[in-house]
């Protein structure tokens, strides 16, 4: 049963992250996803210290606020400080992440986190932190947290699919039509923040970044439409989980790290397949042109 909960939790993380990751890739905001995934540590620790509670609601709210603040401050530094976008994002997220690490170090006796948990997570421990209702054990807390966020992401993207499509592909047209582009930008940042904090404890910051960016990037290489890109990204995320889990068992290594490696290998495999296909097409065209020249 433990294997089921580990795979189910990792699968929900992969699908949830790939859904919002698609829009980060399309809008060329992958670095901002990385920034938010590190910055939410400050929100998690700060929320716990202020409330004294490990409540799911407190963690989601406090970390989401820090994620939104990261996006807003990065944009403000870019506009007001005339800094490049990547530089402003790097400044904000390293500052917030460093503050979070300092708080973890200072209040290590009160905060159930450490630096290794922050970076790598530990999926193997997910089945042991369960939610109970009376005498009924309902399953791991991490599974229900990411399950809730998955439903939120799915609901928002289904209801607002056309809006997200418009602001991702045609932001200038969206503005001319009176669409509040800033609202949809920060709604996407909210979904990224929620996904990150729900995944944080189980898989760690590194795998969150990998699952936000790599499956969506792999899907981008194949997809012919936004809908197909969403489906392909989810499939890549799921494949990364299954291959990564098998690799972790074979090597007796970290599950989260193995999933991250698997997602990267799948991306390189995709690039290789596409390159071979291009070479074959080029060879076919060259032969066709030579044949036509001989006939003439």
Protein backbone atom coordinates (compact mmCIF):
# COMPACT_ATOMS: atom_id res chain seq x y z
CA UNK A 1 0.00 0.00 0.00
CA UNK A 2 2.95 2.32 0.67
CA UNK A 3 4.03 2.09 -2.97
CA UNK A 4 0.54 3.08 -4.09
CA UNK A 5 0.53 6.25 -1.95
CA UNK A 6 4.03 7.22 -3.08
CA UNK A 7 3.18 6.79 -6.77
CA UNK A 8 -0.25 8.42 -6.41
CA UNK A 9 1.21 11.47 -4.65
CA UNK A 10 4.08 11.82 -7.13
CA UNK A 11 1.67 11.44 -10.06
CA UNK A 12 -0.60 14.20 -8.77
CA UNK A 13 2.42 16.46 -8.27
CA UNK A 14 3.63 15.75 -11.82
CA UNK A 15 0.26 16.37 -13.47
CA UNK A 16 -0.51 19.48 -11.40
CA UNK A 17 2.91 20.98 -12.09
CA UNK A 18 2.83 20.15 -15.80
CA UNK A 19 -0.57 21.85 -16.23
CA UNK A 20 0.64 25.22 -14.99
CA UNK A 21 4.13 24.62 -16.39
CA UNK A 22 2.73 24.65 -19.92
CA UNK A 23 1.66 28.28 -19.52
CA UNK A 24 4.99 29.22 -17.91
CA UNK A 25 6.83 27.82 -20.94
CA UNK A 26 4.50 29.48 -23.45
CA UNK A 27 4.91 32.84 -21.71
CA UNK A 28 8.70 32.36 -21.34
CA UNK A 29 8.45 32.53 -17.56
CA UNK A 30 10.16 29.28 -16.55
CA UNK A 31 12.64 31.14 -14.34
CA UNK A 32 9.77 32.72 -12.42
CA UNK A 33 8.45 29.24 -11.66
CA UNK A 34 11.89 28.37 -10.28
CA UNK A 35 11.84 31.56 -8.21
CA UNK A 36 8.43 30.87 -6.70
CA UNK A 37 9.30 27.25 -5.91
CA UNK A 38 12.22 28.46 -3.77
CA UNK A 39 10.58 31.56 -2.31
CA UNK A 40 7.59 29.74 -0.83
CA UNK A 41 9.88 28.30 1.84
CA UNK A 42 9.75 31.71 3.50
CA UNK A 43 5.95 31.61 3.40
CA UNK A 44 5.75 28.08 4.82
CA UNK A 45 8.10 28.82 7.71
CA UNK A 46 6.67 32.29 8.35
CA UNK A 47 3.11 30.98 8.36
CA UNK A 48 4.01 28.25 10.82
CA UNK A 49 5.88 30.60 13.16
CA UNK A 50 3.08 33.19 13.13
CA UNK A 51 0.21 30.75 13.58
CA UNK A 52 1.90 27.92 15.45
CA UNK A 53 -0.05 25.52 13.24
CA UNK A 54 0.80 23.07 10.45
CA UNK A 55 -2.68 23.51 9.07
CA UNK A 56 -2.93 22.98 5.30
CA UNK A 57 -4.92 26.20 4.94
CA UNK A 58 -2.31 28.31 6.78
CA UNK A 59 0.55 26.88 4.73
CA UNK A 60 -1.26 27.36 1.42
CA UNK A 61 -2.28 30.94 2.19
CA UNK A 62 1.06 32.16 3.59
CA UNK A 63 3.18 30.51 0.90
CA UNK A 64 0.87 31.67 -1.89
CA UNK A 65 1.16 35.25 -0.64
CA UNK A 66 4.95 34.99 -0.72
CA UNK A 67 4.79 33.50 -4.21
CA UNK A 68 2.67 36.41 -5.42
CA UNK A 69 5.00 38.86 -3.68
CA UNK A 70 7.93 37.24 -5.52
CA UNK A 71 6.22 37.75 -8.87
CA UNK A 72 5.21 41.33 -8.04
CA UNK A 73 8.63 42.38 -6.69
CA UNK A 74 10.42 40.82 -9.67
CA UNK A 75 8.21 42.78 -12.03
CA UNK A 76 8.64 45.98 -9.99
CA UNK A 77 12.44 45.68 -10.03
CA UNK A 78 12.33 45.11 -13.77
CA UNK A 79 10.14 48.16 -14.43
CA UNK A 80 11.39 50.63 -11.82
CA UNK A 81 15.01 49.55 -11.49
CA UNK A 82 15.52 49.03 -15.23
CA UNK A 83 17.01 45.62 -14.47
CA UNK A 84 16.76 42.71 -16.87
CA UNK A 85 13.89 40.34 -16.12
CA UNK A 86 16.10 37.36 -15.22
CA UNK A 87 18.29 39.52 -12.97
CA UNK A 88 15.31 40.91 -11.03
CA UNK A 89 13.84 37.42 -10.58
CA UNK A 90 17.21 36.09 -9.40
CA UNK A 91 17.58 38.88 -6.84
CA UNK A 92 14.14 38.36 -5.30
CA UNK A 93 14.05 34.59 -5.11
CA UNK A 94 17.59 34.22 -3.70
CA UNK A 95 16.74 36.81 -1.04
CA UNK A 96 13.49 35.10 -0.04
CA UNK A 97 14.96 31.61 -0.14
CA UNK A 98 17.94 32.68 1.98
CA UNK A 99 15.60 34.29 4.53
CA UNK A 100 13.60 31.05 4.65
CA UNK A 101 16.73 28.97 5.26
CA UNK A 102 17.83 31.36 8.04
CA UNK A 103 14.43 31.03 9.73
CA UNK A 104 14.62 27.23 9.48
CA UNK A 105 18.08 27.34 11.10
CA UNK A 106 17.05 29.75 13.87
CA UNK A 107 13.81 27.99 14.76
CA UNK A 108 14.77 24.40 13.94
CA UNK A 109 13.26 23.25 17.23
CA UNK A 110 9.86 24.69 16.30
CA UNK A 111 9.77 24.10 12.53
CA UNK A 112 9.52 20.55 11.23
CA UNK A 113 11.78 21.22 8.24
CA UNK A 114 15.46 21.04 7.43
CA UNK A 115 17.59 22.14 4.51
CA UNK A 116 17.73 18.67 2.93
CA UNK A 117 13.95 18.32 3.15
CA UNK A 118 13.60 21.74 1.53
CA UNK A 119 15.77 20.86 -1.46
CA UNK A 120 15.11 17.16 -2.01
CA UNK A 121 11.94 16.24 -0.13
CA UNK A 122 11.38 12.58 0.71
CA UNK A 123 8.58 10.76 -1.04
CA UNK A 124 9.39 7.55 0.84
CA UNK A 125 8.08 9.14 4.07
CA UNK A 126 4.79 10.33 2.54
CA UNK A 127 2.72 7.27 3.63
CA UNK A 128 3.61 7.77 7.30
CA UNK A 129 2.13 11.27 7.76
CA UNK A 130 -1.55 10.43 7.54
CA UNK A 131 -4.89 12.13 8.15
CA UNK A 132 -7.38 10.38 10.42
CA UNK A 133 -11.09 10.95 10.98
CA UNK A 134 -11.96 9.29 14.26
CA UNK A 135 -10.68 5.73 13.87
CA UNK A 136 -10.57 5.95 10.07
CA UNK A 137 -7.22 6.52 8.39
CA UNK A 138 -7.85 8.53 5.21
CA UNK A 139 -4.36 8.38 3.72
CA UNK A 140 -1.29 10.63 3.59
CA UNK A 141 -1.67 14.35 4.25
CA UNK A 142 0.56 15.18 1.26
CA UNK A 143 -1.72 13.20 -1.08
CA UNK A 144 -4.85 15.09 -0.04
CA UNK A 145 -3.07 18.45 -0.14
CA UNK A 146 -1.81 18.02 -3.69
CA UNK A 147 -5.11 16.39 -4.65
CA UNK A 148 -6.97 19.53 -3.56
CA UNK A 149 -4.58 21.74 -5.53
CA UNK A 150 -4.91 19.48 -8.58
CA UNK A 151 -8.69 19.98 -8.53
CA UNK A 152 -8.23 23.75 -8.15
CA UNK A 153 -5.79 23.88 -11.08
CA UNK A 154 -8.01 21.71 -13.25
CA UNK A 155 -11.13 23.72 -12.41
CA UNK A 156 -9.51 27.09 -13.11
CA UNK A 157 -7.91 25.96 -16.38
CA UNK A 158 -11.12 24.37 -17.65
CA UNK A 159 -13.23 27.42 -16.80
CA UNK A 160 -10.67 30.00 -17.98
CA UNK A 161 -9.01 28.04 -20.79
CA UNK A 162 -9.82 30.57 -23.52
CA UNK A 163 -8.61 33.51 -21.41
CA UNK A 164 -5.31 31.84 -20.59
CA UNK A 165 -4.91 30.90 -24.24
CA UNK A 166 -5.52 34.49 -25.34
CA UNK A 167 -3.12 36.14 -22.87
CA UNK A 168 -0.44 33.50 -23.53
CA UNK A 169 -0.43 33.70 -27.34
CA UNK A 170 -1.78 37.20 -28.03
CA UNK A 171 -1.22 39.51 -25.02
CA UNK A 172 -1.38 42.66 -27.17
CA UNK A 173 -4.72 41.55 -28.64
CA UNK A 174 -5.99 40.73 -25.15
CA UNK A 175 -5.17 44.26 -23.97
CA UNK A 176 -6.87 45.78 -27.01
CA UNK A 177 -9.99 43.72 -26.23
CA UNK A 178 -10.05 45.07 -22.67
CA UNK A 179 -8.85 41.88 -20.98
CA UNK A 180 -7.10 42.50 -17.66
CA UNK A 181 -3.82 40.76 -18.52
CA UNK A 182 -2.34 41.50 -15.08
CA UNK A 183 -5.21 39.65 -13.37
CA UNK A 184 -4.63 36.50 -15.43
CA UNK A 185 -0.87 36.78 -14.87
CA UNK A 186 -1.26 36.83 -11.10
CA UNK A 187 -3.92 34.12 -11.21
CA UNK A 188 -1.36 31.90 -12.96
CA UNK A 189 1.22 32.86 -10.32
CA UNK A 190 -1.31 31.88 -7.65
CA UNK A 191 -1.73 28.44 -9.22
CA UNK A 192 2.06 28.04 -9.45
CA UNK A 193 2.41 29.01 -5.78
CA UNK A 194 -0.35 26.64 -4.66
CA UNK A 195 1.15 23.78 -6.66
CA UNK A 196 4.61 24.47 -5.29
CA UNK A 197 3.66 24.60 -1.63
CA UNK A 198 1.41 21.54 -1.90
CA UNK A 199 4.31 19.61 -3.46
CA UNK A 200 7.10 21.13 -1.40
CA UNK A 201 7.24 18.85 1.62
CA UNK A 202 6.90 15.64 -0.37
CA UNK A 203 9.22 16.22 -3.32
CA UNK A 204 11.33 19.29 -2.45
CA UNK A 205 12.15 22.43 -4.40
CA UNK A 206 14.39 20.81 -7.03
CA UNK A 207 11.80 18.31 -8.26
CA UNK A 208 9.05 20.95 -8.21
CA UNK A 209 11.13 23.06 -10.61
CA UNK A 210 11.87 20.01 -12.78
CA UNK A 211 8.19 19.05 -13.05
CA UNK A 212 7.11 22.63 -13.73
CA UNK A 213 9.55 23.05 -16.61
CA UNK A 214 10.75 19.78 -18.15
CA UNK A 215 7.49 17.93 -19.05
CA UNK A 216 6.05 21.14 -20.52
CA UNK A 217 9.27 21.75 -22.49
CA UNK A 218 9.19 18.18 -23.82
CA UNK A 219 5.54 18.60 -24.82
CA UNK A 220 6.35 21.89 -26.56
CA UNK A 221 8.60 20.00 -28.98
CA UNK A 222 5.74 17.74 -30.14
CA UNK A 223 2.53 19.68 -29.69
CA UNK A 224 0.54 21.27 -32.50
CA UNK A 225 -2.04 22.93 -30.24
CA UNK A 226 -2.42 24.09 -26.64
CA UNK A 227 -4.75 21.22 -25.75
CA UNK A 228 -2.35 18.63 -27.14
CA UNK A 229 0.52 20.30 -25.28
CA UNK A 230 -1.37 20.00 -21.98
CA UNK A 231 -2.08 16.30 -22.57
CA UNK A 232 1.45 15.52 -23.72
CA UNK A 233 2.98 17.40 -20.76
CA UNK A 234 0.83 15.38 -18.34
CA UNK A 235 1.93 12.16 -20.08
CA UNK A 236 5.60 13.14 -19.82
CA UNK A 237 5.14 13.96 -16.13
CA UNK A 238 3.50 10.61 -15.47
CA UNK A 239 6.19 8.74 -17.42
CA UNK A 240 8.88 10.56 -15.41
CA UNK A 241 7.27 9.38 -12.16
CA UNK A 242 7.00 5.72 -13.20
CA UNK A 243 10.50 5.52 -14.71
CA UNK A 244 12.00 7.52 -11.83
CA UNK A 245 10.42 5.30 -9.19
CA UNK A 246 11.71 2.17 -10.92
CA UNK A 247 15.17 3.76 -11.20
CA UNK A 248 15.16 4.70 -7.50
CA UNK A 249 14.32 1.14 -6.48
CA UNK A 250 16.99 -0.26 -8.78
CA UNK A 251 19.71 2.12 -7.54
CA UNK A 252 18.36 2.39 -3.96
CA UNK A 253 18.50 6.17 -4.33
CA UNK A 254 16.30 9.21 -3.70
CA UNK A 255 12.91 8.89 -5.40
CA UNK A 256 12.56 12.63 -6.03
CA UNK A 257 16.04 12.89 -7.56
CA UNK A 258 15.43 9.84 -9.75
CA UNK A 259 12.18 11.33 -11.06
CA UNK A 260 14.03 14.55 -11.87
CA UNK A 261 16.74 12.63 -13.74
CA UNK A 262 14.10 10.63 -15.63
CA UNK A 263 12.30 13.76 -16.77
CA UNK A 264 15.58 15.18 -18.06
CA UNK A 265 16.48 11.95 -19.88
CA UNK A 266 13.04 11.88 -21.52
CA UNK A 267 13.61 15.43 -22.76
CA UNK A 268 16.98 14.51 -24.29
CA UNK A 269 15.46 11.36 -25.80
CA UNK A 270 12.76 13.52 -27.38
CA UNK A 271 15.36 15.90 -28.80
CA UNK A 272 17.28 12.95 -30.22
CA UNK A 273 14.19 11.44 -31.86
CA UNK A 274 13.21 14.76 -33.40
CA UNK A 275 16.74 15.35 -34.68
CA UNK A 276 16.84 11.91 -36.30
CA UNK A 277 13.45 12.56 -37.89
CA UNK A 278 14.68 15.89 -39.31
CA UNK A 279 17.78 14.22 -40.77
CA UNK A 280 15.63 11.54 -42.40
CA UNK A 281 13.32 14.16 -43.87
CA UNK A 282 16.30 16.14 -45.17
CA UNK A 283 17.81 13.01 -46.71
CA UNK A 284 14.49 12.15 -48.37
CA UNK A 285 14.18 15.67 -49.82
CA UNK A 286 17.79 15.58 -51.10
CA UNK A 287 17.20 12.22 -52.81
CA UNK A 288 13.96 13.51 -54.35
CA UNK A 289 15.71 16.60 -55.73
CA UNK A 290 18.55 14.50 -57.16
CA UNK A 291 16.06 12.13 -58.80
CA UNK A 292 14.21 15.04 -60.38
CA UNK A 293 17.51 16.51 -61.63
CA UNK A 294 18.47 13.18 -63.26
CA UNK A 295 15.08 12.94 -65.01
CA UNK A 296 15.54 16.45 -66.39
